[in-house]
PDB file of N, CA and C in Angstrom:
ATOM      1  N   MET A   1     -13.011  -1.957  -2.627  1.00  0.00           N
ATOM      2  CA  MET A   1     -12.011  -0.993  -2.198  1.00  0.00           C
ATOM      3  C   MET A   1     -10.725  -1.744  -1.862  1.00  0.00           C
ATOM      4  N   LYS A   2      -9.605  -1.229  -2.331  1.00  0.00           N
ATOM      5  CA  LYS A   2      -8.305  -1.818  -2.039  1.00  0.00           C
ATOM      6  C   LYS A   2      -7.599  -0.930  -1.018  1.00  0.00           C
ATOM      7  N   TYR A   3      -6.853  -1.554  -0.114  1.00  0.00           N
ATOM      8  CA  TYR A   3      -6.285  -0.846   1.026  1.00  0.00           C
ATOM      9  C   TYR A   3      -4.884  -1.381   1.318  1.00  0.00           C
ATOM     10  N   ILE A   4      -3.980  -0.495   1.744  1.00  0.00           N
ATOM     11  CA  ILE A   4      -2.651  -0.900   2.176  1.00  0.00           C
ATOM     12  C   ILE A   4      -2.159   0.088   3.224  1.00  0.00           C
ATOM     13  N   SER A   5      -1.327  -0.390   4.121  1.00  0.00           N
ATOM     14  CA  SER A   5      -0.720   0.489   5.124  1.00  0.00           C
ATOM     15  C   SER A   5       0.718   0.054   5.367  1.00  0.00           C
ATOM     16  N   CYS A   6       1.505   0.958   5.903  1.00  0.00           N
ATOM     17  CA  CYS A   6       2.888   0.610   6.243  1.00  0.00           C
ATOM     18  C   CYS A   6       2.913  -0.436   7.354  1.00  0.00           C
ATOM     19  N   LYS A   7       1.928  -0.414   8.218  1.00  0.00           N
ATOM     20  CA  LYS A   7       1.859  -1.430   9.281  1.00  0.00           C
ATOM     21  C   LYS A   7       1.774  -2.838   8.679  1.00  0.00           C
ATOM     22  N   ASP A   8       1.130  -2.968   7.516  1.00  0.00           N
ATOM     23  CA  ASP A   8       1.043  -4.271   6.844  1.00  0.00           C
ATOM     24  C   ASP A   8       2.427  -4.793   6.475  1.00  0.00           C
ATOM     25  N   ALA A   9       3.361  -3.866   6.228  1.00  0.00           N
ATOM     26  CA  ALA A   9       4.731  -4.237   5.873  1.00  0.00           C
ATOM     27  C   ALA A   9       5.642  -4.218   7.101  1.00  0.00           C
ATOM     28  N   GLU A  10       5.019  -4.165   8.274  1.00  0.00           N
ATOM     29  CA  GLU A  10       5.737  -4.173   9.548  1.00  0.00           C
ATOM     30  C   GLU A  10       6.680  -2.989   9.688  1.00  0.00           C
ATOM     31  N   LYS A  11       6.254  -1.838   9.165  1.00  0.00           N
ATOM     32  CA  LYS A  11       7.007  -0.592   9.309  1.00  0.00           C
ATOM     33  C   LYS A  11       6.410   0.216  10.456  1.00  0.00           C
ATOM     34  N   ASP A  12       7.249   0.956  11.134  1.00  0.00           N
ATOM     35  CA  ASP A  12       6.798   1.825  12.219  1.00  0.00           C
ATOM     36  C   ASP A  12       6.359   3.156  11.616  1.00  0.00           C
ATOM     37  N   CYS A  13       5.231   3.110  10.939  1.00  0.00           N
ATOM     38  CA  CYS A  13       4.720   4.259  10.182  1.00  0.00           C
ATOM     39  C   CYS A  13       3.203   4.146  10.155  1.00  0.00           C
ATOM     40  N   THR A  14       2.527   5.253  10.306  1.00  0.00           N
ATOM     41  CA  THR A  14       1.061   5.224  10.378  1.00  0.00           C
ATOM     42  C   THR A  14       0.383   5.481   9.027  1.00  0.00           C
ATOM     43  N   TRP A  15       1.161   5.611   7.953  1.00  0.00           N
ATOM     44  CA  TRP A  15       0.598   5.902   6.636  1.00  0.00           C
ATOM     45  C   TRP A  15      -0.277   4.765   6.144  1.00  0.00           C
ATOM     46  N   SER A  16      -1.356   5.133   5.468  1.00  0.00           N
ATOM     47  CA  SER A  16      -2.208   4.143   4.805  1.00  0.00           C
ATOM     48  C   SER A  16      -2.894   4.818   3.620  1.00  0.00           C
ATOM     49  N   ALA A  17      -3.382   4.016   2.702  1.00  0.00           N
ATOM     50  CA  ALA A  17      -4.082   4.541   1.532  1.00  0.00           C
ATOM     51  C   ALA A  17      -5.102   3.528   1.056  1.00  0.00           C
ATOM     52  N   SER A  18      -6.107   4.031   0.372  1.00  0.00           N
ATOM     53  CA  SER A  18      -7.103   3.150  -0.219  1.00  0.00           C
ATOM     54  C   SER A  18      -7.550   3.728  -1.553  1.00  0.00           C
ATOM     55  N   SER A  19      -7.986   2.839  -2.430  1.00  0.00           N
ATOM     56  CA  SER A  19      -8.441   3.246  -3.751  1.00  0.00           C
ATOM     57  C   SER A  19      -9.259   2.110  -4.359  1.00  0.00           C
ATOM     58  N   GLU A  20     -10.120   2.456  -5.269  1.00  0.00           N
ATOM     59  CA  GLU A  20     -10.850   1.440  -6.024  1.00  0.00           C
ATOM     60  C   GLU A  20      -9.943   0.817  -7.083  1.00  0.00           C
ATOM     61  N   ASN A  21      -8.887   1.527  -7.458  1.00  0.00           N
ATOM     62  CA  ASN A  21      -8.014   1.139  -8.556  1.00  0.00           C
ATOM     63  C   ASN A  21      -6.647   0.740  -8.014  1.00  0.00           C
ATOM     64  N   GLU A  22      -6.201  -0.491  -8.305  1.00  0.00           N
ATOM     65  CA  GLU A  22      -4.921  -0.980  -7.783  1.00  0.00           C
ATOM     66  C   GLU A  22      -3.737  -0.179  -8.320  1.00  0.00           C
ATOM     67  N   GLU A  23      -3.765   0.210  -9.579  1.00  0.00           N
ATOM     68  CA  GLU A  23      -2.652   0.976 -10.143  1.00  0.00           C
ATOM     69  C   GLU A  23      -2.530   2.344  -9.467  1.00  0.00           C
ATOM     70  N   GLU A  24      -3.664   2.966  -9.176  1.00  0.00           N
ATOM     71  CA  GLU A  24      -3.649   4.248  -8.456  1.00  0.00           C
ATOM     72  C   GLU A  24      -3.075   4.046  -7.050  1.00  0.00           C
ATOM     73  N   LEU A  25      -3.449   2.960  -6.415  1.00  0.00           N
ATOM     74  CA  LEU A  25      -2.951   2.650  -5.075  1.00  0.00           C
ATOM     75  C   LEU A  25      -1.439   2.433  -5.110  1.00  0.00           C
ATOM     76  N   ILE A  26      -0.942   1.689  -6.088  1.00  0.00           N
ATOM     77  CA  ILE A  26       0.501   1.461  -6.223  1.00  0.00           C
ATOM     78  C   ILE A  26       1.219   2.778  -6.461  1.00  0.00           C
ATOM     79  N   SER A  27       0.630   3.664  -7.235  1.00  0.00           N
ATOM     80  CA  SER A  27       1.217   4.978  -7.468  1.00  0.00           C
ATOM     81  C   SER A  27       1.344   5.756  -6.154  1.00  0.00           C
ATOM     82  N   MET A  28       0.311   5.691  -5.311  1.00  0.00           N
ATOM     83  CA  MET A  28       0.359   6.354  -4.001  1.00  0.00           C
ATOM     84  C   MET A  28       1.448   5.744  -3.122  1.00  0.00           C
ATOM     85  N   VAL A  29       1.572   4.420  -3.172  1.00  0.00           N
ATOM     86  CA  VAL A  29       2.607   3.730  -2.397  1.00  0.00           C
ATOM     87  C   VAL A  29       3.988   4.185  -2.850  1.00  0.00           C
ATOM     88  N   LYS A  30       4.208   4.232  -4.158  1.00  0.00           N
ATOM     89  CA  LYS A  30       5.506   4.649  -4.684  1.00  0.00           C
ATOM     90  C   LYS A  30       5.859   6.058  -4.218  1.00  0.00           C
ATOM     91  N   GLU A  31       4.906   6.981  -4.286  1.00  0.00           N
ATOM     92  CA  GLU A  31       5.145   8.353  -3.821  1.00  0.00           C
ATOM     93  C   GLU A  31       5.537   8.361  -2.351  1.00  0.00           C
ATOM     94  N   HIS A  32       4.829   7.585  -1.548  1.00  0.00           N
ATOM     95  CA  HIS A  32       5.109   7.536  -0.117  1.00  0.00           C
ATOM     96  C   HIS A  32       6.491   6.935   0.154  1.00  0.00           C
ATOM     97  N   VAL A  33       6.810   5.849  -0.520  1.00  0.00           N
ATOM     98  CA  VAL A  33       8.113   5.206  -0.320  1.00  0.00           C
ATOM     99  C   VAL A  33       9.242   6.168  -0.687  1.00  0.00           C
ATOM    100  N   LEU A  34       9.116   6.855  -1.813  1.00  0.00           N
ATOM    101  CA  LEU A  34      10.159   7.789  -2.235  1.00  0.00           C
ATOM    102  C   LEU A  34      10.317   8.953  -1.263  1.00  0.00           C
ATOM    103  N   ALA A  35       9.234   9.368  -0.628  1.00  0.00           N
ATOM    104  CA  ALA A  35       9.285  10.496   0.301  1.00  0.00           C
ATOM    105  C   ALA A  35       9.714  10.096   1.714  1.00  0.00           C
ATOM    106  N   GLU A  36       9.257   8.935   2.174  1.00  0.00           N
ATOM    107  CA  GLU A  36       9.433   8.586   3.588  1.00  0.00           C
ATOM    108  C   GLU A  36      10.294   7.357   3.871  1.00  0.00           C
ATOM    109  N   HIS A  37      10.471   6.493   2.895  1.00  0.00           N
ATOM    110  CA  HIS A  37      11.216   5.241   3.112  1.00  0.00           C
ATOM    111  C   HIS A  37      12.285   5.075   2.033  1.00  0.00           C
ATOM    112  N   LYS A  38      13.178   6.031   1.965  1.00  0.00           N
ATOM    113  CA  LYS A  38      14.194   6.056   0.904  1.00  0.00           C
ATOM    114  C   LYS A  38      15.097   4.832   0.915  1.00  0.00           C
ATOM    115  N   GLU A  39      15.111   4.108   2.038  1.00  0.00           N
ATOM    116  CA  GLU A  39      15.948   2.905   2.125  1.00  0.00           C
ATOM    117  C   GLU A  39      15.361   1.734   1.328  1.00  0.00           C
ATOM    118  N   ILE A  40      14.108   1.848   0.907  1.00  0.00           N
ATOM    119  CA  ILE A  40      13.447   0.779   0.155  1.00  0.00           C
ATOM    120  C   ILE A  40      13.617   1.033  -1.334  1.00  0.00           C
ATOM    121  N   GLU A  41      14.176   0.060  -2.021  1.00  0.00           N
ATOM    122  CA  GLU A  41      14.333   0.145  -3.473  1.00  0.00           C
ATOM    123  C   GLU A  41      13.021  -0.296  -4.125  1.00  0.00           C
ATOM    124  N   LEU A  42      12.568   0.467  -5.083  1.00  0.00           N
ATOM    125  CA  LEU A  42      11.320   0.129  -5.779  1.00  0.00           C
ATOM    126  C   LEU A  42      11.618  -0.774  -6.982  1.00  0.00           C
ATOM    127  N   SER A  43      12.206  -1.909  -6.705  1.00  0.00           N
ATOM    128  CA  SER A  43      12.517  -2.901  -7.740  1.00  0.00           C
ATOM    129  C   SER A  43      11.240  -3.666  -8.102  1.00  0.00           C
ATOM    130  N   PRO A  44      11.226  -4.337  -9.242  1.00  0.00           N
ATOM    131  CA  PRO A  44      10.054  -5.153  -9.600  1.00  0.00           C
ATOM    132  C   PRO A  44       9.709  -6.177  -8.507  1.00  0.00           C
ATOM    133  N   GLU A  45      10.727  -6.757  -7.893  1.00  0.00           N
ATOM    134  CA  GLU A  45      10.483  -7.733  -6.820  1.00  0.00           C
ATOM    135  C   GLU A  45       9.812  -7.072  -5.618  1.00  0.00           C
ATOM    136  N   ASN A  46      10.287  -5.889  -5.228  1.00  0.00           N
ATOM    137  CA  ASN A  46       9.668  -5.194  -4.096  1.00  0.00           C
ATOM    138  C   ASN A  46       8.255  -4.720  -4.421  1.00  0.00           C
ATOM    139  N   ILE A  47       8.031  -4.288  -5.662  1.00  0.00           N
ATOM    140  CA  ILE A  47       6.673  -3.893  -6.070  1.00  0.00           C
ATOM    141  C   ILE A  47       5.745  -5.099  -5.981  1.00  0.00           C
ATOM    142  N   ALA A  48       6.210  -6.261  -6.406  1.00  0.00           N
ATOM    143  CA  ALA A  48       5.400  -7.482  -6.303  1.00  0.00           C
ATOM    144  C   ALA A  48       5.102  -7.803  -4.843  1.00  0.00           C
ATOM    145  N   ASN A  49       6.085  -7.630  -3.964  1.00  0.00           N
ATOM    146  CA  ASN A  49       5.857  -7.856  -2.529  1.00  0.00           C
ATOM    147  C   ASN A  49       4.838  -6.870  -1.979  1.00  0.00           C
ATOM    148  N   ILE A  50       4.934  -5.611  -2.395  1.00  0.00           N
ATOM    149  CA  ILE A  50       3.979  -4.595  -1.953  1.00  0.00           C
ATOM    150  C   ILE A  50       2.574  -4.967  -2.425  1.00  0.00           C
ATOM    151  N   LYS A  51       2.454  -5.374  -3.687  1.00  0.00           N
ATOM    152  CA  LYS A  51       1.138  -5.763  -4.218  1.00  0.00           C
ATOM    153  C   LYS A  51       0.533  -6.921  -3.424  1.00  0.00           C
ATOM    154  N   SER A  52       1.378  -7.816  -2.922  1.00  0.00           N
ATOM    155  CA  SER A  52       0.865  -8.959  -2.154  1.00  0.00           C
ATOM    156  C   SER A  52       0.280  -8.521  -0.812  1.00  0.00           C
ATOM    157  N   LEU A  53       0.608  -7.305  -0.369  1.00  0.00           N
ATOM    158  CA  LEU A  53       0.093  -6.789   0.910  1.00  0.00           C
ATOM    159  C   LEU A  53      -1.239  -6.055   0.765  1.00  0.00           C
ATOM    160  N   ILE A  54      -1.662  -5.810  -0.461  1.00  0.00           N
ATOM    161  CA  ILE A  54      -2.915  -5.078  -0.690  1.00  0.00           C
ATOM    162  C   ILE A  54      -4.088  -5.939  -0.248  1.00  0.00           C
ATOM    163  N   LYS A  55      -4.975  -5.319   0.506  1.00  0.00           N
ATOM    164  CA  LYS A  55      -6.188  -6.003   0.982  1.00  0.00           C
ATOM    165  C   LYS A  55      -7.391  -5.437   0.245  1.00  0.00           C
ATOM    166  N   THR A  56      -8.353  -6.280   0.010  1.00  0.00           N
ATOM    167  CA  THR A  56      -9.607  -5.848  -0.595  1.00  0.00           C
ATOM    168  C   THR A  56     -10.676  -5.886   0.476  1.00  0.00           C
ATOM    169  N   THR A  57     -11.369  -4.769   0.618  1.00  0.00           N
ATOM    170  CA  THR A  57     -12.414  -4.687   1.643  1.00  0.00           C
ATOM    171  C   THR A  57     -13.744  -4.339   0.996  1.00  0.00           C
ATOM    172  N   GLY A  58     -14.799  -4.530   1.763  1.00  0.00           N
ATOM    173  CA  GLY A  58     -16.120  -4.112   1.309  1.00  0.00           C
ATOM    174  C   GLY A  58     -16.174  -2.595   1.257  1.00  0.00           C
ATOM    175  N   ARG A  59     -17.197  -2.067   0.668  1.00  0.00           N
ATOM    176  CA  ARG A  59     -17.311  -0.622   0.511  1.00  0.00           C
ATOM    177  C   ARG A  59     -17.413   0.083   1.859  1.00  0.00           C
ATOM    178  N   PHE A  60     -18.106  -0.508   2.791  1.00  0.00           N
ATOM    179  CA  PHE A  60     -18.248   0.071   4.120  1.00  0.00           C
ATOM    180  C   PHE A  60     -17.741  -0.923   5.133  1.00  0.00           C
ATOM    181  N   TRP A  61     -17.114  -0.457   6.188  1.00  0.00           N
ATOM    182  CA  TRP A  61     -16.502  -1.345   7.165  1.00  0.00           C
ATOM    183  C   TRP A  61     -17.503  -2.303   7.773  1.00  0.00           C
ATOM    184  N   TRP A  62     -18.748  -1.897   7.932  1.00  0.00           N
ATOM    185  CA  TRP A  62     -19.711  -2.786   8.570  1.00  0.00           C
ATOM    186  C   TRP A  62     -20.248  -3.847   7.589  1.00  0.00           C
ATOM    187  N   TRP A  63     -19.901  -3.746   6.308  1.00  0.00           N
ATOM    188  CA  TRP A  63     -20.311  -4.765   5.340  1.00  0.00           C
ATOM    189  C   TRP A  63     -19.241  -5.825   5.159  1.00  0.00           C
ATOM    190  N   GLY A  64     -18.010  -5.562   5.675  1.00  0.00           N
ATOM    191  CA  GLY A  64     -16.892  -6.499   5.617  1.00  0.00           C
ATOM    192  C   GLY A  64     -16.575  -6.917   4.240  1.00  0.00           C
TER     193      GLY A  64
END
């Protein structure tokens, strides 16, 4: 499972998302940025920075 949150980017926002598919997760991030963080440009460099914040977790929290 892949996971990202605005807190990971040091934003004062409680949004988070998770997906098995990284491209689907990036799509969710883009939608959120366009709706809530209009000051952020979705340039290739910023997308690469966002991708670097994605965490991979076990399927269940207790499996780590």
